[in-house]
Amino acid sequence: MNEYINTKIHYIKNMKIKINDKEIELKQTIRSLLMYENIKGESYVPKSLNDILLYIYCVVVSSAKDYSLDYDAFIDWVDENPTELEKVVKFIQQTQENQNNIKKNKS
């Protein structure tokens, strides 16, 4: 079982997207969660599309520290790239599932 988890984690470990000619390697880190909490004023518990998009924005911005992207420009990218957004959502879901599986295996 651990081999499967490690293989799956390796497979989705990183994902690259391109926004306005800038390639960004997405990483879900504590920084993205902290950014979400600072902006929203509460912990990340997705209840709406806005919550999900705001969290994805935080993942993107915290992954590209040397790149400035405001929320409106991000939403424009989302509107223009629905297929890419779908890939990002799947990446985030898979990463969170893997983290949950690791926690279950440790207990």
C-alpha atoms as a PDB file:
ATOM      1  CA  MET A   1       0.000   0.000   0.000  1.00  0.00           C
ATOM      2  CA  ASN A   2       2.787   2.452   0.864  1.00  0.00           C
ATOM      3  CA  GLU A   3       4.352   1.897  -2.577  1.00  0.00           C
ATOM      4  CA  TYR A   4       1.082   2.922  -4.201  1.00  0.00           C
ATOM      5  CA  ILE A   5       0.838   6.064  -2.094  1.00  0.00           C
ATOM      6  CA  ASN A   6       4.448   7.036  -2.772  1.00  0.00           C
ATOM      7  CA  THR A   7       4.003   6.443  -6.498  1.00  0.00           C
ATOM      8  CA  LYS A   8       0.813   8.469  -6.592  1.00  0.00           C
ATOM      9  CA  ILE A   9       2.402  11.325  -4.645  1.00  0.00           C
ATOM     10  CA  HIS A  10       5.335  11.359  -7.033  1.00  0.00           C
ATOM     11  CA  TYR A  11       2.972  11.433 -10.009  1.00  0.00           C
ATOM     12  CA  ILE A  12       1.121  14.544  -8.857  1.00  0.00           C
ATOM     13  CA  LYS A  13       3.930  16.115  -6.883  1.00  0.00           C
ATOM     14  CA  ASN A  14       4.086  19.147  -9.115  1.00  0.00           C
ATOM     15  CA  MET A  15       2.065  20.712 -11.841  1.00  0.00           C
ATOM     16  CA  LYS A  16       2.956  23.583 -14.121  1.00  0.00           C
ATOM     17  CA  ILE A  17       0.591  26.154 -15.538  1.00  0.00           C
ATOM     18  CA  LYS A  18       1.163  29.189 -17.691  1.00  0.00           C
ATOM     19  CA  ILE A  19      -0.452  32.521 -16.857  1.00  0.00           C
ATOM     20  CA  ASN A  20       0.325  35.556 -19.007  1.00  0.00           C
ATOM     21  CA  ASP A  21       3.477  33.935 -20.437  1.00  0.00           C
ATOM     22  CA  LYS A  22       4.762  33.048 -16.949  1.00  0.00           C
ATOM     23  CA  GLU A  23       5.209  29.344 -16.201  1.00  0.00           C
ATOM     24  CA  ILE A  24       4.358  28.555 -12.588  1.00  0.00           C
ATOM     25  CA  GLU A  25       5.038  25.284 -10.794  1.00  0.00           C
ATOM     26  CA  LEU A  26       2.143  24.807  -8.391  1.00  0.00           C
ATOM     27  CA  LYS A  27       2.846  23.667  -4.849  1.00  0.00           C
ATOM     28  CA  GLN A  28       0.321  23.317  -2.064  1.00  0.00           C
ATOM     29  CA  THR A  29       2.100  24.567   0.999  1.00  0.00           C
ATOM     30  CA  ILE A  30       1.337  26.026   4.370  1.00  0.00           C
ATOM     31  CA  ARG A  31       1.995  29.413   2.755  1.00  0.00           C
ATOM     32  CA  SER A  32      -1.066  29.019   0.506  1.00  0.00           C
ATOM     33  CA  LEU A  33      -3.248  28.080   3.488  1.00  0.00           C
ATOM     34  CA  LEU A  34      -1.960  31.034   5.507  1.00  0.00           C
ATOM     35  CA  MET A  35      -2.567  33.382   2.580  1.00  0.00           C
ATOM     36  CA  TYR A  36      -6.131  32.094   2.260  1.00  0.00           C
ATOM     37  CA  GLU A  37      -6.744  32.599   5.994  1.00  0.00           C
ATOM     38  CA  ASN A  38      -5.311  36.130   5.867  1.00  0.00           C
ATOM     39  CA  ILE A  39      -7.503  37.096   2.914  1.00  0.00           C
ATOM     40  CA  LYS A  40     -10.709  35.311   3.951  1.00  0.00           C
ATOM     41  CA  GLY A  41     -10.375  35.597   7.724  1.00  0.00           C
ATOM     42  CA  GLU A  42     -11.124  31.913   8.294  1.00  0.00           C
ATOM     43  CA  SER A  43      -9.646  28.475   7.673  1.00  0.00           C
ATOM     44  CA  TYR A  44     -10.033  26.848   4.272  1.00  0.00           C
ATOM     45  CA  VAL A  45     -13.220  24.822   4.219  1.00  0.00           C
ATOM     46  CA  PRO A  46     -14.626  24.976   0.689  1.00  0.00           C
ATOM     47  CA  LYS A  47     -18.286  25.945   0.809  1.00  0.00           C
ATOM     48  CA  SER A  48     -18.626  27.869  -2.434  1.00  0.00           C
ATOM     49  CA  LEU A  49     -17.055  28.429  -5.815  1.00  0.00           C
ATOM     50  CA  ASN A  50     -15.567  31.639  -4.461  1.00  0.00           C
ATOM     51  CA  ASP A  51     -13.820  29.706  -1.656  1.00  0.00           C
ATOM     52  CA  ILE A  52     -12.343  27.241  -4.151  1.00  0.00           C
ATOM     53  CA  LEU A  53     -11.186  29.905  -6.598  1.00  0.00           C
ATOM     54  CA  LEU A  54      -9.706  31.994  -3.799  1.00  0.00           C
ATOM     55  CA  TYR A  55      -7.748  28.978  -2.536  1.00  0.00           C
ATOM     56  CA  ILE A  56      -6.497  28.174  -6.055  1.00  0.00           C
ATOM     57  CA  TYR A  57      -5.454  31.819  -6.399  1.00  0.00           C
ATOM     58  CA  CYS A  58      -3.518  31.513  -3.134  1.00  0.00           C
ATOM     59  CA  VAL A  59      -1.805  28.333  -4.377  1.00  0.00           C
ATOM     60  CA  VAL A  60      -0.813  30.083  -7.607  1.00  0.00           C
ATOM     61  CA  VAL A  61       0.445  33.273  -5.965  1.00  0.00           C
ATOM     62  CA  SER A  62       2.310  31.485  -3.177  1.00  0.00           C
ATOM     63  CA  SER A  63       3.924  29.169  -5.743  1.00  0.00           C
ATOM     64  CA  ALA A  64       5.239  32.091  -7.796  1.00  0.00           C
ATOM     65  CA  LYS A  65       6.780  34.450  -5.280  1.00  0.00           C
ATOM     66  CA  ASP A  66       8.633  36.391  -7.992  1.00  0.00           C
ATOM     67  CA  TYR A  67       5.449  37.042  -9.991  1.00  0.00           C
ATOM     68  CA  SER A  68       2.720  39.542  -9.268  1.00  0.00           C
ATOM     69  CA  LEU A  69      -0.845  38.528 -10.122  1.00  0.00           C
ATOM     70  CA  ASP A  70      -3.939  40.246  -8.817  1.00  0.00           C
ATOM     71  CA  TYR A  71      -7.208  38.396  -8.256  1.00  0.00           C
ATOM     72  CA  ASP A  72      -8.991  40.017 -11.212  1.00  0.00           C
ATOM     73  CA  ALA A  73      -6.222  38.954 -13.610  1.00  0.00           C
ATOM     74  CA  PHE A  74      -6.434  35.445 -12.139  1.00  0.00           C
ATOM     75  CA  ILE A  75     -10.211  35.330 -12.701  1.00  0.00           C
ATOM     76  CA  ASP A  76      -9.649  36.509 -16.287  1.00  0.00           C
ATOM     77  CA  TRP A  77      -7.228  33.575 -16.719  1.00  0.00           C
ATOM     78  CA  VAL A  78      -9.844  31.211 -15.243  1.00  0.00           C
ATOM     79  CA  ASP A  79     -12.475  32.469 -17.697  1.00  0.00           C
ATOM     80  CA  GLU A  80     -10.111  32.082 -20.648  1.00  0.00           C
ATOM     81  CA  ASN A  81      -8.691  28.680 -19.601  1.00  0.00           C
ATOM     82  CA  PRO A  82     -11.443  26.412 -18.246  1.00  0.00           C
ATOM     83  CA  THR A  83      -9.545  23.244 -19.216  1.00  0.00           C
ATOM     84  CA  GLU A  84      -6.452  24.396 -17.330  1.00  0.00           C
ATOM     85  CA  LEU A  85      -8.585  25.268 -14.314  1.00  0.00           C
ATOM     86  CA  GLU A  86     -10.044  21.768 -14.360  1.00  0.00           C
ATOM     87  CA  LYS A  87      -6.506  20.311 -14.304  1.00  0.00           C
ATOM     88  CA  VAL A  88      -5.565  22.543 -11.369  1.00  0.00           C
ATOM     89  CA  VAL A  89      -8.676  21.485  -9.425  1.00  0.00           C
ATOM     90  CA  LYS A  90      -7.833  17.813 -10.019  1.00  0.00           C
ATOM     91  CA  PHE A  91      -4.238  18.425  -8.928  1.00  0.00           C
ATOM     92  CA  ILE A  92      -5.405  20.040  -5.689  1.00  0.00           C
ATOM     93  CA  GLN A  93      -7.956  17.290  -5.014  1.00  0.00           C
ATOM     94  CA  GLN A  94      -5.402  14.531  -5.622  1.00  0.00           C
ATOM     95  CA  THR A  95      -2.822  16.219  -3.433  1.00  0.00           C
ATOM     96  CA  GLN A  96      -5.317  16.598  -0.602  1.00  0.00           C
ATOM     97  CA  GLU A  97      -6.441  12.965  -0.980  1.00  0.00           C
ATOM     98  CA  ASN A  98      -2.828  11.809  -0.798  1.00  0.00           C
ATOM     99  CA  GLN A  99      -2.215  13.874   2.321  1.00  0.00           C
ATOM    100  CA  ASN A 100      -5.308  12.316   3.914  1.00  0.00           C
ATOM    101  CA  ASN A 101      -4.120   8.802   2.955  1.00  0.00           C
ATOM    102  CA  ILE A 102      -0.717   9.457   4.510  1.00  0.00           C
ATOM    103  CA  LYS A 103      -2.361  10.649   7.722  1.00  0.00           C
ATOM    104  CA  LYS A 104      -4.537   7.505   7.835  1.00  0.00           C
ATOM    105  CA  ASN A 105      -1.534   5.224   7.303  1.00  0.00           C
ATOM    106  CA  LYS A 106       0.425   6.928  10.102  1.00  0.00           C
ATOM    107  CA  SER A 107      -2.336   6.381  12.649  1.00  0.00           C
END
